[in-house]
Each structure stands twice: as C-alpha cells, then as structure tokens.
C-alpha cells in the first residue's frame, strides 16, 4: 500500500530550491505552476539544456526557407541555408541585440538588421558592416566571431526537427527513446513515409502554465466531463470514452514522454478508420491503394486499423492523431499553443477531410481546444486560492505495472502520464540541487 504524504511544503526561493519538497510521486505543489523562480529555472534547465522541438522539415523544404520560433525564452530562426544545412540561429543582431527577423516565415539568403544595417548570411555569418572604417583595427580581429549565434546541436527524426542549446548531451534518438514509435505510427499512414506540416499553424493563447497545457493532452480522465458535448455529438463515430468499456491504456514511456494508446482496442475491433470517424475505405480508394502499394496489404491494413498516436513528446511536442501541436511557454500563466493538420503528400481528398476535421476540433471555434483552453484558465485561476497547497496525481497509483514499453495502467483515467511527466521534470529542474 502506498502512503500519500500530505505534509506542508514551502514555496521555493532561488536560494533554496529543493525539488523534492514540491514534487512527490503522487502530487505536485501549486507553486510549480505559479512561481516565477520555478519558471525561470525551467527555462534555464529544460529549455536550454535539452532537446526541444522547433520545426518540421516540410516547412523549410527549399534553400533559403526560414521560420521564427522560440526555445524557451530564446527567439530563434530555423533556416534552410543555401548550403543545404538546416540551422537554428539566435534571432539577434550581434551588434546591439536588435531582433533581426520579425516575419513568422519566408525565404531569404540573408538577414539585414533594421537598426544599423549589419547583414548576415542565412548560414549565420556576418557578411556586411556599413561604414566599416569607423571601427578601427581591432574590429577586424573579432569580426569572424560576430555572426549569429548558432544552436550547437540540431537533429531530426521522421522530419521533426529538434534543437539543443547545450553543446553536449544525449543524442536525439536517446532523448526520444520509446516515443520514436509514436512518430513512426504517423509516418506509417503515408505512402511516401513522409508527412507535411506546411499548410499553416493555428495559434492559441492559453492563460495557463505551459505544463497545464501539455499534461492535459494525455489526461484520459477529463474527456467525459470537459468534452461531454463533443462526445455526445460524435457518438458512435469513435469508441466509448468510459474507461471500463474499452481496452485502452495510458503509458509513461520514460524521459517525460507519455501516451494514451487505443491500439489494442482498435486491433480487437479490427476495423479500419475507427480513429477517423469510421469512414469506409471506399470513400478514399486512391489513398488506400497507394498505401497498400507502398507498404503491402497487411501493413497497410494494420496502419489503418490502429491509426496515428496520441503521444506527448517531452517537453513541448504533442502528436494528436492527425494533428501536431507544440507549445511555447511565455510566462508562468501564459502559453502559446500551435496546431497543424497532418497532411499526407499527394492525397488531396484525404487531406481536405483532415483539414476540416482539424478546424472543427482545434480551430478558433473548435470544440476540443476551446474546452481545454477554458479549463486551463480556470485551473490557473484556482491556484490563486493557496489552500490546499497540493494538486493530486494519485489516480491509478496502485495499479500501475511495468513492462517492456514503460509504466502502464489499463485504466485510461489513471494519472500515470502525469506522474511520469513530473518524474522527468524533477530530474531535470532539480538536477543540481536535489538528490
């Protein structure tokens, strides 16, 4: 029997930051979502030392294509250089710190600072300094070091580009671990083995801590309540959301990654496209034929039965069936979430349906994200009441079991994913101050 500790905890200060006092195996202290000191620590540890999702290769397919994104607090430019290399550059002029690029995306061979005209190639090197003679002899010695700062590590898996601002650390594949299978499930639905995220991102401002936004995505407990109107409307298009009626598991994949996995239930039904509103394959003959030609009938059938994943990839990426979401933390109570529909290259009829489904769920008037946004805001508002101090994550604690896939619970409503998230959070945020 696990004993739940409900003793007092003090809000941490920068001088005394003991992670073990605010994160337990079954609960977290409210200050985790409200403390500016904790938020600062997250930006310096999670987002400046580890791998963070920044872009998809399809968004910068051509040489010169670029995007402006954020890694924690750092504004960056993700750019496909004219030398063919994808780089992540700090979006800052090395002269007087002006932000070089304000557009969200574009194509350019160089970036020119609007303040004093310093110009940088899209590989980050400094190429032009107006009125160069005013700098004297010493400037020539340091000019080569005045290019745009570059993220020391950039890598991709399945087209998903990640960057790390730390010069050393584990490889991207080591970071992804069991979560690579979630990306593979999405790619298995494409005859070319690739997906496209270049149709544009829907942007939502959540008045909630970034962790509230991402951990909710793998919470199997809230759907019956928060999204009751949605599931009443779509029933029986999908499967039951009552945990006792379906063979669905929640899983801590390790390293902060987690998922809600319907694959066993879908394989038991052995019915294609249950995850896609039970559309018959005869409605998409060209797509089914292309998938079977590429992967063979057996693998194509299995991919169409189990569908894409519902997986959180630590710290900021979420694969939501035929949607992809990533988040940018802005403040303790402010998060921007970006969502894009998964486009399968060359499958226009399928993609048209996917776009409309994505808009219905995740668009500005979408059913799902509007519900979640309001709940996150209400969670954050509720934290202003500081008693009780703790948030409970103990559901399913005694029925978790471990297998080769991670820590699993057969009750979809168990808080296994959240416990896994905070184990990783504590290990990263408290790495220097807590055993």
Protein backbone atom coordinates (compact mmCIF):
# COMPACT_ATOMS: atom_id res chain seq x y z
CA UNK A 1 0.00 0.00 0.00
CA UNK A 2 1.42 3.42 -0.99
CA UNK A 3 1.25 6.08 1.69
CA UNK A 4 0.23 9.53 0.47
CA UNK A 5 2.24 12.26 2.16
CA UNK A 6 0.19 15.40 2.78
CA UNK A 7 2.68 17.30 4.88
CA UNK A 8 3.36 21.02 4.39
CA UNK A 9 5.67 22.46 1.77
CA UNK A 10 7.20 25.88 1.49
CA UNK A 11 7.29 27.84 -1.74
CA UNK A 12 10.87 27.70 -3.06
CA UNK A 13 13.15 30.66 -3.49
CA UNK A 14 16.12 30.91 -5.88
CA UNK A 15 18.48 30.46 -2.94
CA UNK A 16 16.71 27.35 -1.60
CA UNK A 17 15.29 25.30 -4.45
CA UNK A 18 14.59 21.79 -3.20
CA UNK A 19 12.64 19.96 -5.89
CA UNK A 20 11.95 17.02 -3.58
CA UNK A 21 9.87 19.34 -1.39
CA UNK A 22 7.47 20.28 -4.19
CA UNK A 23 7.20 17.17 -6.39
CA UNK A 24 6.24 13.78 -4.97
CA UNK A 25 5.45 10.56 -6.82
CA UNK A 26 1.73 11.24 -6.47
CA UNK A 27 1.28 15.04 -6.26
CA UNK A 28 2.82 18.42 -7.04
CA UNK A 29 2.83 21.67 -5.10
CA UNK A 30 0.79 24.55 -6.54
CA UNK A 31 3.88 26.75 -6.77
CA UNK A 32 5.10 24.54 -9.65
CA UNK A 33 2.56 26.41 -11.82
CA UNK A 34 2.77 29.89 -10.30
CA UNK A 35 6.30 30.62 -9.08
CA UNK A 36 8.37 32.96 -11.30
CA UNK A 37 11.52 31.42 -9.79
CA UNK A 38 10.44 27.95 -10.86
CA UNK A 39 9.53 29.22 -14.34
CA UNK A 40 12.97 30.81 -14.66
CA UNK A 41 14.59 27.57 -13.60
CA UNK A 42 12.60 25.64 -16.22
CA UNK A 43 13.74 27.99 -18.95
CA UNK A 44 17.38 27.54 -17.93
CA UNK A 45 17.29 23.77 -17.47
CA UNK A 46 14.55 22.12 -19.54
CA UNK A 47 14.66 24.53 -22.47
CA UNK A 48 18.34 25.49 -22.52
CA UNK A 49 19.94 22.13 -21.82
CA UNK A 50 17.75 19.50 -23.51
CA UNK A 51 16.22 18.73 -26.88
CA UNK A 52 13.25 20.93 -27.85
CA UNK A 53 11.03 20.58 -30.90
CA UNK A 54 11.38 23.62 -33.21
CA UNK A 55 10.01 22.83 -36.70
CA UNK A 56 9.21 20.26 -39.36
CA UNK A 57 11.35 19.74 -42.45
CA UNK A 58 8.36 20.28 -44.76
CA UNK A 59 8.09 23.89 -43.53
CA UNK A 60 11.57 24.75 -44.77
CA UNK A 61 11.83 22.45 -47.76
CA UNK A 62 13.64 24.90 -50.07
CA UNK A 63 17.03 26.53 -49.63
CA UNK A 64 16.50 29.96 -48.08
CA UNK A 65 13.25 29.00 -46.30
CA UNK A 66 13.12 30.13 -42.69
CA UNK A 67 10.82 30.22 -39.66
CA UNK A 68 10.93 32.25 -36.46
CA UNK A 69 10.33 30.22 -33.30
CA UNK A 70 11.27 30.21 -29.61
CA UNK A 71 13.28 27.81 -27.47
CA UNK A 72 12.15 28.76 -24.01
CA UNK A 73 12.84 32.50 -23.84
CA UNK A 74 15.27 32.50 -26.77
CA UNK A 75 13.89 33.75 -30.09
CA UNK A 76 15.42 31.71 -32.92
CA UNK A 77 15.38 31.46 -36.69
CA UNK A 78 15.15 27.93 -38.12
CA UNK A 79 16.68 28.24 -41.57
CA UNK A 80 17.48 26.03 -44.55
CA UNK A 81 20.80 27.51 -45.62
CA UNK A 82 21.90 27.92 -49.21
CA UNK A 83 24.50 25.25 -48.43
CA UNK A 84 21.62 22.82 -47.75
CA UNK A 85 22.21 22.68 -43.97
CA UNK A 86 19.35 23.28 -41.53
CA UNK A 87 20.44 25.56 -38.71
CA UNK A 88 18.82 27.10 -35.65
CA UNK A 89 20.18 30.63 -35.17
CA UNK A 90 19.58 33.05 -32.30
CA UNK A 91 17.31 35.80 -33.67
CA UNK A 92 19.58 38.64 -32.53
CA UNK A 93 21.99 41.01 -34.18
CA UNK A 94 25.47 40.65 -32.71
CA UNK A 95 25.92 44.43 -32.74
CA UNK A 96 23.28 45.95 -30.46
CA UNK A 97 20.92 42.99 -29.94
CA UNK A 98 18.15 44.05 -32.33
CA UNK A 99 15.84 41.20 -33.33
CA UNK A 100 16.84 40.53 -36.92
CA UNK A 101 13.80 38.76 -38.30
CA UNK A 102 10.20 39.66 -37.43
CA UNK A 103 8.31 37.64 -40.04
CA UNK A 104 6.97 34.24 -38.97
CA UNK A 105 8.28 32.63 -42.16
CA UNK A 106 9.77 33.45 -45.54
CA UNK A 107 12.64 32.84 -47.90
CA UNK A 108 15.85 34.86 -47.78
CA UNK A 109 19.54 34.44 -48.49
CA UNK A 110 20.45 37.00 -45.83
CA UNK A 111 19.09 38.92 -42.85
CA UNK A 112 19.70 42.67 -42.55
CA UNK A 113 19.41 44.42 -39.19
CA UNK A 114 16.98 47.38 -39.41
CA UNK A 115 18.89 49.29 -36.72
CA UNK A 116 22.38 49.83 -38.22
CA UNK A 117 22.29 47.69 -41.35
CA UNK A 118 24.56 44.84 -40.29
CA UNK A 119 23.87 41.93 -42.66
CA UNK A 120 24.14 38.19 -42.04
CA UNK A 121 24.06 35.26 -44.46
CA UNK A 122 21.41 32.64 -43.82
CA UNK A 123 24.20 30.43 -42.51
CA UNK A 124 24.59 32.99 -39.71
CA UNK A 125 27.89 34.54 -40.75
CA UNK A 126 28.34 38.33 -40.70
CA UNK A 127 28.72 39.49 -44.31
CA UNK A 128 28.42 43.29 -44.28
CA UNK A 129 29.00 46.15 -41.84
CA UNK A 130 28.07 49.65 -43.09
CA UNK A 131 30.72 52.36 -42.57
CA UNK A 132 33.26 49.73 -41.66
CA UNK A 133 36.13 52.27 -41.36
CA UNK A 134 34.71 53.65 -38.13
CA UNK A 135 35.61 50.54 -36.18
CA UNK A 136 39.41 50.61 -36.28
CA UNK A 137 41.98 47.85 -36.44
CA UNK A 138 40.78 45.72 -33.52
CA UNK A 139 37.41 45.09 -35.11
CA UNK A 140 38.98 43.03 -37.92
CA UNK A 141 40.31 40.58 -35.33
CA UNK A 142 36.89 39.81 -33.84
CA UNK A 143 34.63 40.19 -36.88
CA UNK A 144 34.71 36.48 -37.70
CA UNK A 145 33.20 35.79 -34.27
CA UNK A 146 30.31 38.24 -34.69
CA UNK A 147 27.94 36.03 -36.66
CA UNK A 148 24.52 34.98 -35.39
CA UNK A 149 24.87 32.53 -32.53
CA UNK A 150 24.00 29.01 -33.61
CA UNK A 151 22.40 26.20 -31.61
CA UNK A 152 25.27 23.74 -31.18
CA UNK A 153 23.09 20.69 -31.81
CA UNK A 154 20.31 20.27 -34.37
CA UNK A 155 18.91 16.91 -35.45
CA UNK A 156 15.70 15.42 -36.82
CA UNK A 157 13.70 12.23 -36.73
CA UNK A 158 10.95 11.47 -39.23
CA UNK A 159 11.05 15.08 -40.41
CA UNK A 160 10.60 16.54 -36.89
CA UNK A 161 13.46 18.95 -36.16
CA UNK A 162 14.77 19.34 -32.63
CA UNK A 163 17.48 21.65 -31.30
CA UNK A 164 19.52 21.84 -28.13
CA UNK A 165 21.24 24.99 -26.89
CA UNK A 166 23.66 22.84 -24.88
CA UNK A 167 26.89 21.83 -26.64
CA UNK A 168 26.90 18.37 -25.06
CA UNK A 169 24.32 15.83 -24.01
CA UNK A 170 22.48 12.71 -25.11
CA UNK A 171 21.68 12.17 -28.78
CA UNK A 172 18.22 12.95 -30.16
CA UNK A 173 17.42 9.25 -30.56
CA UNK A 174 18.38 8.66 -26.93
CA UNK A 175 16.13 11.56 -25.95
CA UNK A 176 13.16 10.24 -27.96
CA UNK A 177 13.53 6.65 -26.79
CA UNK A 178 10.15 4.91 -26.87
CA UNK A 179 8.50 7.99 -28.36
CA UNK A 180 10.08 7.23 -31.75
CA UNK A 181 7.34 4.62 -32.22
CA UNK A 182 4.70 7.35 -31.96
CA UNK A 183 6.30 9.25 -34.84
CA UNK A 184 6.60 6.03 -36.81
CA UNK A 185 2.85 5.40 -36.44
CA UNK A 186 2.07 8.71 -38.11
CA UNK A 187 4.57 8.09 -40.90
CA UNK A 188 3.13 4.60 -41.49
CA UNK A 189 -0.06 6.30 -42.69
CA UNK A 190 1.81 7.93 -45.57
CA UNK A 191 2.55 6.04 -48.80
CA UNK A 192 5.77 8.06 -49.12
CA UNK A 193 6.75 7.65 -45.46
CA UNK A 194 6.60 11.43 -45.07
CA UNK A 195 4.09 13.97 -43.81
CA UNK A 196 3.63 17.68 -44.49
CA UNK A 197 3.04 20.38 -41.86
CA UNK A 198 3.41 23.37 -44.18
CA UNK A 199 -0.28 24.31 -44.54
CA UNK A 200 -0.01 26.70 -41.60
CA UNK A 201 -0.43 26.68 -37.84
CA UNK A 202 -3.45 27.66 -35.77
CA UNK A 203 -2.25 29.72 -32.82
CA UNK A 204 -3.96 29.82 -29.43
CA UNK A 205 -3.01 31.84 -26.35
CA UNK A 206 -3.69 29.86 -23.18
CA UNK A 207 -3.89 31.76 -19.90
CA UNK A 208 -2.30 28.83 -18.13
CA UNK A 209 1.11 27.46 -17.26
CA UNK A 210 2.72 25.52 -20.12
CA UNK A 211 2.71 22.30 -18.08
CA UNK A 212 -1.05 22.57 -17.61
CA UNK A 213 -1.42 22.65 -21.38
CA UNK A 214 0.81 19.70 -22.24
CA UNK A 215 -0.06 17.35 -19.37
CA UNK A 216 -3.77 17.79 -20.14
CA UNK A 217 -3.17 16.37 -23.61
CA UNK A 218 -2.51 12.91 -22.16
CA UNK A 219 -5.14 13.09 -19.42
CA UNK A 220 -7.68 10.35 -20.07
CA UNK A 221 -9.84 11.30 -17.08
CA UNK A 222 -11.30 14.62 -18.21
CA UNK A 223 -12.86 13.78 -21.57
CA UNK A 224 -16.20 12.56 -20.21
CA UNK A 225 -16.66 15.83 -18.36
CA UNK A 226 -14.76 18.61 -20.14
CA UNK A 227 -15.70 17.37 -23.62
CA UNK A 228 -19.09 15.85 -22.84
CA UNK A 229 -20.89 17.84 -25.54
CA UNK A 230 -18.36 16.80 -28.19
CA UNK A 231 -18.63 13.09 -27.48
CA UNK A 232 -22.40 13.26 -27.35
CA UNK A 233 -22.29 14.76 -30.84
CA UNK A 234 -19.87 12.27 -32.43
CA UNK A 235 -21.12 9.08 -30.78
CA UNK A 236 -20.96 6.35 -32.10
CA UNK A 237 -18.41 7.54 -34.66
CA UNK A 238 -15.46 6.56 -32.49
CA UNK A 239 -15.29 4.25 -29.43
CA UNK A 240 -16.52 4.66 -25.89
CA UNK A 241 -14.71 7.08 -23.61
CA UNK A 242 -15.85 5.26 -20.48
CA UNK A 243 -12.60 3.62 -19.25
CA UNK A 244 -14.28 0.39 -18.13
CA UNK A 245 -15.77 -0.22 -21.59
CA UNK A 246 -12.62 -0.08 -23.71
CA UNK A 247 -9.25 -1.79 -23.83
CA UNK A 248 -7.22 1.42 -23.67
CA UNK A 249 -4.04 2.04 -21.69
CA UNK A 250 -2.14 5.07 -20.54
CA UNK A 251 1.61 4.76 -20.61
CA UNK A 252 4.66 6.51 -19.19
CA UNK A 253 7.20 5.89 -21.95
CA UNK A 254 10.07 7.25 -19.86
CA UNK A 255 12.04 10.50 -20.08
CA UNK A 256 8.84 12.55 -19.78
CA UNK A 257 7.14 11.04 -22.86
CA UNK A 258 3.68 9.53 -22.36
CA UNK A 259 0.59 8.48 -24.27
CA UNK A 260 -2.99 7.32 -24.36
CA UNK A 261 -2.90 4.18 -26.50
CA UNK A 262 -6.03 2.84 -28.24
CA UNK A 263 -4.18 0.37 -30.46
CA UNK A 264 -5.26 -2.77 -28.54
CA UNK A 265 -8.93 -1.71 -28.66
CA UNK A 266 -8.69 -0.91 -32.37
CA UNK A 267 -6.98 -4.21 -33.17
CA UNK A 268 -9.67 -6.06 -31.21
CA UNK A 269 -12.31 -4.35 -33.39
CA UNK A 270 -10.14 -4.95 -36.49
CA UNK A 271 -11.98 -2.14 -38.26
CA UNK A 272 -10.21 0.42 -40.44
CA UNK A 273 -10.57 4.18 -39.83
CA UNK A 274 -12.33 3.95 -36.44
CA UNK A 275 -9.99 6.78 -35.39
CA UNK A 276 -11.14 8.76 -38.47
CA UNK A 277 -14.88 8.72 -37.92
CA UNK A 278 -15.33 5.18 -39.30
CA UNK A 279 -15.20 6.41 -42.89
CA UNK A 280 -15.35 3.37 -45.25
CA UNK A 281 -12.24 2.72 -47.32
CA UNK A 282 -14.38 3.00 -50.47
CA UNK A 283 -14.54 6.76 -49.83
CA UNK A 284 -10.75 7.01 -50.18
CA UNK A 285 -9.82 4.41 -52.83
CA UNK A 286 -6.77 6.25 -54.21
CA UNK A 287 -5.26 6.66 -50.75
CA UNK A 288 -5.84 3.04 -49.72
CA UNK A 289 -4.41 1.76 -53.00
CA UNK A 290 -1.30 3.95 -52.66
CA UNK A 291 -0.77 2.81 -49.05
CA UNK A 292 -1.11 -0.86 -49.96
CA UNK A 293 1.26 -0.46 -52.92
CA UNK A 294 3.87 1.21 -50.71
CA UNK A 295 3.62 -0.96 -47.57
CA UNK A 296 1.82 -4.14 -48.62
CA UNK A 297 -1.81 -5.02 -47.80
CA UNK A 298 -1.08 -6.43 -44.33
CA UNK A 299 0.95 -3.50 -43.00
CA UNK A 300 -1.41 -1.00 -44.66
CA UNK A 301 -4.42 -2.66 -43.01
CA UNK A 302 -2.76 -2.58 -39.58
CA UNK A 303 -1.85 1.10 -40.02
CA UNK A 304 -5.43 1.94 -41.00
CA UNK A 305 -6.77 -0.04 -38.03
CA UNK A 306 -4.63 1.45 -35.24
CA UNK A 307 -4.20 4.88 -36.81
CA UNK A 308 -1.88 7.61 -35.55
CA UNK A 309 -0.70 8.05 -31.97
CA UNK A 310 -1.86 10.25 -29.09
CA UNK A 311 1.53 10.99 -27.56
CA UNK A 312 3.28 13.74 -25.63
CA UNK A 313 6.96 14.06 -26.54
CA UNK A 314 8.89 15.85 -23.81
CA UNK A 315 8.92 18.73 -23.33
CA UNK A 316 6.81 20.60 -25.89
CA UNK A 317 5.52 18.39 -28.73
CA UNK A 318 2.19 16.57 -28.91
CA UNK A 319 1.10 14.16 -31.64
CA UNK A 320 -2.71 14.30 -31.53
CA UNK A 321 -3.88 11.74 -34.09
CA UNK A 322 -3.94 13.74 -37.34
CA UNK A 323 -2.85 16.95 -35.65
CA UNK A 324 0.50 18.12 -34.35
CA UNK A 325 0.79 20.61 -31.50
CA UNK A 326 3.78 22.33 -29.97
CA UNK A 327 3.85 24.91 -27.18
CA UNK A 328 5.96 27.95 -26.36
CA UNK A 329 5.99 28.98 -22.67
CA UNK A 330 5.67 32.77 -22.32
CA UNK A 331 5.18 33.32 -18.56
CA UNK A 332 4.00 31.39 -15.52
CA UNK A 333 0.39 31.85 -16.63
CA UNK A 334 0.74 32.30 -20.39
CA UNK A 335 1.40 29.71 -23.10
CA UNK A 336 1.08 29.82 -26.88
CA UNK A 337 -0.01 26.55 -28.49
CA UNK A 338 0.41 25.96 -32.22
CA UNK A 339 -1.59 23.24 -34.00
CA UNK A 340 -1.31 21.98 -37.59
CA UNK A 341 -3.14 19.27 -39.51
CA UNK A 342 -1.09 16.29 -40.68
CA UNK A 343 -1.07 16.35 -44.49
CA UNK A 344 -0.25 13.20 -46.45
CA UNK A 345 1.67 14.16 -49.65
CA UNK A 346 -0.30 13.54 -52.83
CA UNK A 347 -3.60 12.62 -51.15
CA UNK A 348 -5.83 15.64 -51.79
CA UNK A 349 -9.17 14.01 -50.98
CA UNK A 350 -7.91 12.69 -47.64
CA UNK A 351 -6.19 15.97 -46.83
CA UNK A 352 -9.33 18.02 -47.45
CA UNK A 353 -11.18 15.91 -44.89
CA UNK A 354 -8.28 16.13 -42.43
CA UNK A 355 -8.16 19.93 -42.67
CA UNK A 356 -11.89 20.23 -41.97
CA UNK A 357 -11.66 17.81 -39.03
CA UNK A 358 -8.70 19.73 -37.63
CA UNK A 359 -10.53 23.04 -37.89
CA UNK A 360 -13.55 21.54 -36.15
CA UNK A 361 -11.51 20.28 -33.23
CA UNK A 362 -8.58 22.68 -32.97
CA UNK A 363 -9.59 25.80 -34.92
CA UNK A 364 -10.57 29.21 -33.46
CA UNK A 365 -14.13 27.92 -32.91
CA UNK A 366 -13.01 24.32 -32.43
CA UNK A 367 -14.82 22.10 -29.96
CA UNK A 368 -11.84 20.48 -28.23
CA UNK A 369 -9.25 23.22 -27.86
CA UNK A 370 -11.82 25.76 -26.70
CA UNK A 371 -12.83 23.44 -23.86
CA UNK A 372 -9.22 22.74 -22.89
CA UNK A 373 -8.30 26.43 -23.05
CA UNK A 374 -11.08 27.35 -20.66
CA UNK A 375 -10.21 24.54 -18.27
CA UNK A 376 -6.53 25.59 -18.24
CA UNK A 377 -7.51 29.17 -17.49
CA UNK A 378 -9.79 28.04 -14.66
CA UNK A 379 -7.04 25.79 -13.28
CA UNK A 380 -4.63 28.72 -13.21
CA UNK A 381 -7.26 30.99 -11.62
CA UNK A 382 -7.99 28.37 -8.98
CA UNK A 383 -4.34 28.31 -7.95
CA UNK A 384 -4.81 31.82 -6.53
CA UNK A 385 -6.52 30.01 -3.65
CA UNK A 386 -3.43 28.56 -1.97
CA UNK A 387 -5.21 26.08 0.26
CA UNK A 388 -4.96 23.15 -0.29
CA UNK A 389 -1.35 23.53 -1.35
CA UNK A 390 -1.08 20.34 -3.39
CA UNK A 391 -2.51 19.01 -6.66
CA UNK A 392 -3.28 15.27 -6.59
CA UNK A 393 -1.84 12.87 -9.18
CA UNK A 394 -2.54 9.63 -7.32
CA UNK A 395 -5.26 8.13 -9.52
CA UNK A 396 -4.20 4.61 -10.53
CA UNK A 397 -1.01 4.73 -8.48
CA UNK A 398 -1.54 1.26 -7.02
CA UNK A 399 -2.50 -0.37 -10.33
CA UNK A 400 0.46 0.80 -12.43
CA UNK A 401 2.57 -2.02 -13.80
CA UNK A 402 5.81 -2.08 -15.75
CA UNK A 403 6.54 -3.91 -18.99
CA UNK A 404 8.93 -3.51 -21.93
CA UNK A 405 7.03 -0.41 -23.14
CA UNK A 406 7.23 1.57 -19.90
CA UNK A 407 4.97 2.11 -16.88
CA UNK A 408 1.43 1.20 -17.92
CA UNK A 409 -2.06 1.40 -16.49
CA UNK A 410 -5.06 -0.38 -18.00
CA UNK A 411 -7.39 2.32 -16.67
CA UNK A 412 -7.48 5.13 -19.21
CA UNK A 413 -8.35 7.58 -16.43
CA UNK A 414 -5.18 6.83 -14.41
CA UNK A 415 -2.74 9.71 -13.90
CA UNK A 416 0.23 7.58 -14.94
CA UNK A 417 1.30 10.01 -17.74
CA UNK A 418 1.31 12.97 -15.34
CA UNK A 419 3.39 11.11 -12.77
CA UNK A 420 5.90 10.23 -15.49
CA UNK A 421 5.98 13.84 -16.67
CA UNK A 422 6.86 15.11 -13.21
CA UNK A 423 9.48 12.44 -12.61
CA UNK A 424 11.30 13.79 -15.63
CA UNK A 425 10.57 17.40 -14.62
CA UNK A 426 12.07 16.84 -11.17
CA UNK A 427 15.15 15.09 -12.55
CA UNK A 428 15.89 17.96 -14.97
CA UNK A 429 14.84 21.02 -12.98
CA UNK A 430 16.35 19.71 -9.75
CA UNK A 431 19.46 18.14 -11.17
CA UNK A 432 21.90 20.42 -9.34
CA UNK A 433 20.09 20.94 -6.05
CA UNK A 434 18.03 17.85 -5.26
CA UNK A 435 19.19 14.28 -4.89
